[in-house]
Protein backbone atom coordinates (compact mmCIF):
# COMPACT_ATOMS: atom_id res chain seq x y z
CA MET A 1 0.03 -0.18 -0.04
CA ASP A 2 1.21 3.31 -0.98
CA GLY A 3 1.66 6.22 1.41
CA LEU A 4 -0.84 9.18 1.65
CA ASN A 5 0.85 11.07 -1.23
CA GLY A 6 1.53 8.20 -3.31
CA SER A 7 5.37 7.37 -2.25
CA VAL A 8 6.74 3.86 -2.39
CA VAL A 9 7.28 4.05 1.24
CA SER A 10 4.23 2.64 3.28
CA GLU A 11 6.09 2.15 6.51
CA PHE A 12 9.07 3.34 8.77
CA VAL A 13 11.49 1.48 11.00
CA LEU A 14 11.87 3.10 14.48
CA LEU A 15 15.40 2.21 15.27
CA GLY A 16 14.52 3.59 19.05
CA LEU A 17 16.60 2.80 22.05
CA SER A 18 18.67 0.25 21.06
CA GLY A 19 20.23 -2.02 23.72
CA SER A 20 20.77 -5.45 25.08
CA TRP A 21 17.55 -7.44 26.66
CA GLU A 22 18.13 -6.72 30.05
CA THR A 23 18.86 -3.04 29.17
CA ASN A 24 15.45 -2.74 27.38
CA VAL A 25 13.61 -4.26 30.16
CA THR A 26 14.97 -2.20 32.66
CA LEU A 27 14.02 0.94 30.47
CA THR A 28 10.58 -0.53 29.85
CA LEU A 29 9.95 -0.51 33.60
CA THR A 30 11.35 2.92 34.07
CA PHE A 31 9.42 4.79 31.46
CA SER A 32 6.35 2.62 32.55
CA LEU A 33 6.60 4.16 35.88
CA LEU A 34 7.29 7.88 34.48
CA TYR A 35 4.27 7.16 32.33
CA LEU A 36 2.08 5.90 35.28
CA GLY A 37 3.66 9.33 37.29
CA ILE A 38 2.64 11.51 34.28
CA ILE A 39 -0.91 10.25 34.09
CA LEU A 40 -1.54 10.12 37.96
CA GLY A 41 0.21 13.54 38.61
CA ASN A 42 -1.21 15.58 35.87
CA LEU A 43 -4.68 14.08 36.06
CA PHE A 44 -4.58 14.60 40.11
CA ILE A 45 -3.83 18.52 39.43
CA VAL A 46 -6.83 18.54 36.98
CA PHE A 47 -8.88 16.91 39.53
CA LEU A 48 -8.11 19.01 42.25
CA VAL A 49 -8.79 22.38 40.26
CA ILE A 50 -11.89 20.94 39.23
CA VAL A 51 -13.21 20.04 42.68
CA ASP A 52 -11.85 22.36 45.11
CA SER A 53 -13.71 25.87 44.92
CA HIS A 54 -10.48 27.45 46.45
CA LEU A 55 -8.59 26.69 43.28
CA HIS A 56 -11.38 28.19 40.74
CA SER A 57 -9.18 31.03 39.54
CA PRO A 58 -7.79 31.84 36.42
CA MET A 59 -4.09 30.77 37.50
CA TYR A 60 -4.90 27.29 38.44
CA PHE A 61 -7.54 26.95 35.36
CA LEU A 62 -4.56 27.57 33.22
CA LEU A 63 -2.48 25.18 35.13
CA ALA A 64 -5.36 22.45 34.82
CA ASN A 65 -5.16 22.73 31.15
CA LEU A 66 -1.41 22.68 31.00
CA SER A 67 -1.29 19.40 32.94
CA PHE A 68 -3.92 17.98 30.68
CA ASN A 69 -1.84 18.91 27.63
CA ASP A 70 1.03 16.98 29.29
CA VAL A 71 -0.93 13.78 29.62
CA GLY A 72 -1.88 14.23 25.52
CA LEU A 73 1.62 15.17 24.73
CA SER A 74 3.27 12.18 26.53
CA SER A 75 0.52 9.79 25.26
CA THR A 76 1.43 10.51 21.80
CA THR A 77 4.97 8.78 22.02
CA VAL A 78 5.73 7.27 25.45
CA PRO A 79 3.17 4.37 25.33
CA ARG A 80 4.63 3.22 21.77
CA MET A 81 8.18 3.47 23.07
CA ILE A 82 7.49 1.31 25.80
CA SER A 83 5.94 -1.25 23.68
CA ASP A 84 8.48 -1.35 20.86
CA LEU A 85 11.57 -1.47 23.43
CA LEU A 86 10.52 -5.21 23.96
CA LYS A 87 9.79 -5.53 20.07
CA GLU A 88 12.51 -7.03 17.55
CA HIS A 89 10.94 -5.00 14.68
CA ARG A 90 9.82 -1.50 15.48
CA VAL A 91 7.39 -0.62 12.56
CA ILE A 92 5.13 1.99 12.20
CA SER A 93 2.92 2.82 9.09
CA PHE A 94 3.33 5.73 6.80
CA GLN A 95 -0.34 7.00 8.12
CA SER A 96 0.28 6.41 11.97
CA CYS A 97 3.69 8.25 11.21
CA MET A 98 2.25 11.24 9.94
CA ILE A 99 -0.61 11.23 12.47
CA GLN A 100 1.63 11.09 15.45
CA THR A 101 3.84 13.79 14.00
CA CYS A 102 0.55 15.88 13.86
CA PHE A 103 -0.33 15.23 17.50
CA ILE A 104 3.23 15.87 18.53
CA HIS A 105 3.17 19.37 17.03
CA ALA A 106 -0.13 20.53 17.69
CA LEU A 107 -0.09 19.54 21.19
CA GLY A 108 3.64 20.96 21.58
CA GLY A 109 2.54 24.52 19.97
CA THR A 110 -0.39 24.37 22.27
CA GLU A 111 1.80 24.01 25.12
CA MET A 112 3.98 26.76 24.17
CA VAL A 113 1.08 29.34 23.74
CA LEU A 114 -0.17 28.01 27.25
CA LEU A 115 3.05 29.00 28.47
CA ILE A 116 2.76 32.26 27.40
CA THR A 117 -0.59 32.46 28.56
CA MET A 118 0.37 31.67 31.95
CA ALA A 119 3.24 34.31 32.01
CA PHE A 120 0.44 36.94 31.08
CA ASP A 121 -1.54 35.84 33.99
CA ARG A 122 1.43 36.15 36.32
CA TYR A 123 2.09 39.53 34.76
CA ALA A 124 -1.72 40.89 35.44
CA ALA A 125 -1.45 39.11 39.02
CA ILE A 126 1.72 40.89 40.15
CA CYS A 127 1.57 44.05 38.26
CA LYS A 128 -1.93 44.96 37.87
CA PRO A 129 -3.36 43.27 41.23
CA LEU A 130 -6.45 45.64 41.24
CA HIS A 131 -7.46 44.79 37.54
CA TYR A 132 -6.59 41.20 37.76
CA LEU A 133 -9.96 39.57 37.82
CA THR A 134 -11.16 41.78 35.36
CA ILE A 135 -8.37 41.33 32.78
CA MET A 136 -8.39 37.70 33.33
CA SER A 137 -12.26 37.12 33.26
CA PRO A 138 -13.55 33.69 32.70
CA LYS A 139 -14.55 34.65 29.25
CA THR A 140 -10.89 35.62 28.70
CA CYS A 141 -9.51 32.60 29.96
CA VAL A 142 -11.59 30.52 27.83
CA LEU A 143 -10.55 32.52 24.93
CA LEU A 144 -6.87 32.05 25.54
CA ILE A 145 -7.34 28.12 25.93
CA VAL A 146 -8.99 28.19 22.51
CA MET A 147 -6.59 30.45 21.09
CA SER A 148 -3.61 27.85 22.30
CA TRP A 149 -5.30 25.12 20.78
CA VAL A 150 -5.89 27.03 17.44
CA MET A 151 -2.31 27.98 17.33
CA GLY A 152 -1.25 24.48 18.06
CA VAL A 153 -3.11 23.09 15.18
CA ILE A 154 -2.23 25.86 12.85
CA HIS A 155 1.48 25.24 13.92
CA ALA A 156 1.27 21.15 13.25
CA MET A 157 -1.03 21.54 9.80
CA ALA A 158 1.27 24.15 8.37
CA GLN A 159 4.16 21.58 8.65
CA PHE A 160 1.94 18.41 7.63
CA LEU A 161 0.92 19.73 4.49
CA PHE A 162 4.32 20.88 3.34
CA VAL A 163 5.75 17.31 4.67
CA ILE A 164 2.93 15.27 3.10
CA ASN A 165 3.79 16.22 -0.58
CA LEU A 166 7.46 14.98 -0.34
CA PRO A 167 8.31 11.97 -2.14
CA PHE A 168 9.51 9.01 -0.16
CA CYS A 169 10.94 6.02 -2.28
CA GLY A 170 13.83 5.20 -0.46
CA PRO A 171 15.43 4.54 3.12
CA ASN A 172 12.81 4.27 5.77
CA GLU A 173 14.64 3.89 8.85
CA ILE A 174 14.03 6.72 11.71
CA ASP A 175 16.97 6.85 14.41
CA SER A 176 14.49 7.57 16.80
CA PHE A 177 11.50 6.05 18.79
CA CYS A 178 8.97 8.21 17.38
CA CYS A 179 8.19 10.12 13.99
CA ASP A 180 9.10 13.69 13.60
CA PHE A 181 9.25 16.44 10.75
CA PRO A 182 13.20 16.67 10.89
CA ARG A 183 14.03 12.96 10.69
CA ILE A 184 10.99 12.11 8.17
CA ILE A 185 12.35 14.96 5.83
CA GLN A 186 15.88 13.20 5.67
CA LEU A 187 13.98 10.47 4.19
CA ALA A 188 12.39 12.02 1.29
CA CYS A 189 13.48 11.37 -2.19
CA SER A 190 14.66 14.91 -2.53
CA ASP A 191 17.24 17.43 -1.72
CA ALA A 192 16.68 17.70 2.08
CA ALA A 193 18.84 20.68 2.58
CA LYS A 194 16.41 22.97 0.91
CA PHE A 195 13.76 22.06 3.29
CA GLU A 196 15.96 22.73 6.11
CA PHE A 197 14.77 26.34 6.33
CA VAL A 198 10.97 25.58 6.39
CA VAL A 199 11.54 23.42 9.42
CA THR A 200 14.04 25.72 10.75
CA ALA A 201 11.63 28.69 10.25
CA ASN A 202 8.56 27.01 11.61
CA SER A 203 9.91 25.28 14.74
CA GLY A 204 13.12 26.21 15.45
CA LEU A 205 12.74 30.09 15.34
CA ILE A 206 9.18 30.09 16.78
CA THR A 207 10.65 27.78 19.87
CA ILE A 208 13.53 30.16 20.48
CA GLY A 209 11.71 33.07 20.01
CA THR A 210 8.83 31.91 22.55
CA PHE A 211 11.30 31.08 25.00
CA PHE A 212 13.24 34.16 24.70
CA LEU A 213 9.83 36.22 25.14
CA LEU A 214 8.87 34.29 27.91
CA LEU A 215 12.27 35.24 29.94
CA LEU A 216 11.96 38.82 28.86
CA SER A 217 8.50 38.98 30.23
CA TYR A 218 9.62 37.20 33.48
CA VAL A 219 12.24 39.82 33.75
CA PHE A 220 10.07 42.53 32.92
CA ILE A 221 7.88 41.43 35.76
CA LEU A 222 10.79 41.19 38.20
CA VAL A 223 11.86 44.74 37.35
CA THR A 224 8.51 46.30 37.48
CA VAL A 225 8.09 44.95 41.14
CA TRP A 226 11.54 45.94 42.15
CA LYS A 227 10.84 49.30 41.13
CA ARG A 228 7.58 49.24 43.12
CA SER A 229 8.96 47.74 46.17
CA SER A 230 12.18 45.89 46.40
CA GLY A 231 10.69 44.26 49.57
CA ASP A 232 8.46 42.51 47.28
CA LEU A 233 11.13 40.84 44.84
CA SER A 234 11.76 37.87 46.48
CA LYS A 235 7.94 36.86 46.96
CA ALA A 236 7.42 37.66 43.34
CA LEU A 237 10.62 35.32 42.32
CA GLY A 238 9.54 32.48 44.38
CA THR A 239 5.72 32.84 42.85
CA LEU A 240 7.62 32.97 39.61
CA SER A 241 10.20 30.22 40.03
CA ALA A 242 7.85 27.22 39.14
CA HIS A 243 6.84 28.74 35.70
CA ILE A 244 10.62 29.65 34.81
CA THR A 245 11.63 26.00 35.85
CA VAL A 246 8.83 24.35 33.70
CA VAL A 247 9.68 26.69 30.58
CA VAL A 248 13.37 26.08 30.96
CA LEU A 249 12.67 22.28 30.93
CA PHE A 250 10.41 22.48 28.44
CA PHE A 251 12.20 24.70 25.79
CA THR A 252 15.76 23.63 26.12
CA PRO A 253 15.44 20.00 24.27
CA CYS A 254 13.25 21.73 21.67
CA ILE A 255 15.58 24.40 20.87
CA PHE A 256 18.47 21.49 20.36
CA ILE A 257 16.22 19.40 18.41
CA TYR A 258 14.63 22.30 16.12
CA LEU A 259 17.14 24.95 15.83
CA TRP A 260 19.50 22.56 14.42
CA PRO A 261 16.87 20.10 12.64
CA PHE A 262 19.20 17.92 11.05
CA PRO A 263 21.44 16.29 13.55
CA THR A 264 24.29 14.13 12.41
CA SER A 265 24.05 12.40 15.87
CA SER A 266 21.30 10.56 17.60
CA VAL A 267 21.48 12.76 20.79
CA ASP A 268 17.91 14.29 19.73
CA LYS A 269 15.97 11.05 20.43
CA TYR A 270 17.37 11.68 24.35
CA MET A 271 16.00 15.16 24.10
CA PHE A 272 12.93 13.80 23.15
CA ILE A 273 12.87 11.60 26.24
CA VAL A 274 13.23 14.96 28.32
CA ASP A 275 10.25 16.73 26.59
CA PHE A 276 7.61 13.59 26.33
CA ALA A 277 8.67 11.88 29.64
CA ILE A 278 10.73 13.78 32.26
CA THR A 279 9.36 16.95 32.13
CA PRO A 280 5.72 16.24 32.03
CA ALA A 281 6.25 13.85 34.81
CA LEU A 282 8.35 16.66 36.83
CA ASN A 283 5.64 19.20 36.18
CA PRO A 284 3.25 18.34 38.86
CA VAL A 285 6.18 17.97 41.53
CA ILE A 286 7.35 21.46 40.37
CA TYR A 287 3.95 23.02 40.92
CA THR A 288 3.06 21.06 44.16
CA LEU A 289 6.32 21.94 45.86
CA ARG A 290 6.14 25.75 45.13
CA ASN A 291 2.43 26.08 45.51
CA LYS A 292 1.03 26.40 48.72
CA ASP A 293 -2.59 25.76 48.09
CA ILE A 294 -2.02 22.68 45.99
CA ASN A 295 0.60 21.59 48.48
CA ARG A 296 -1.96 21.80 51.54
CA LEU A 297 -4.80 19.72 49.52
CA THR A 298 -2.08 17.34 48.29
CA ARG A 299 -1.30 16.62 52.58
CA CYS A 300 -5.04 16.66 53.07
CA CYS A 301 -5.76 14.23 50.29
CA SER A 302 -2.82 11.97 51.67
CA LEU A 303 -4.17 12.30 55.08
CA ILE A 304 -7.75 11.06 54.26
CA PHE A 305 -6.27 8.10 52.06
CA SER A 306 -4.01 6.98 55.08
CA ASN A 307 -6.58 6.76 57.33
């Protein structure tokens, strides 16, 4: 069966994380526990935000959406990676590869816009406290979430419509555990170098531009607070520390992967592990440890279940 664009290649071989049987078994158990932590941790935050009226605020509404998005982002790659670790032949169909790539970029793009939205929320809360609830009204929050999803889908479809028309007729081995546009383009039966600019412009520059925009916004917030009252600077920094940590964890691998989209080594697949498995697992921990309200509710839930 030919690919969606009439290409000869109908499936791709995922080389994944090659190793001995014992190593693969260890990795399977490790990533299974990580994925379980991602599901339970992030859905626990979503559950707390829904059921506790004290968390019905713009900040927690955005946090719940970020946690829900993290579950989706991890689910696009980690379950397949776990199942492939114990397989000798790791094959994915052309159609499934394209679908997986689209979901990775749609959810990844959504996460970027969500992080910008959360930075704007912190700006309004810290720098415009008297107008905070007016600026971040329920209608505005929903609109920002919808905008995040729309931007994520547009980002994914812009690359998908470009890649789907490329001819694939030769090599079909992808040196990774999942499909992604840079790796797929390398297999096209055409000069891949001329397509490098498209991937770099769409993913690389957007990623690094968003990253520096977020860092500048946090610097602007801290400078504004410092000018108003130097005593409030440590409090503002404490409030922003969790957001800054999550931003650095999420964007560092993305910049490495997409700013140089055609690597000569396989290091980028380990960067994928950071983005899809480690960061989503750490996010609930980071926000729980740095957030008094969620930390309090977590302790309460622990006491209830222990009794």
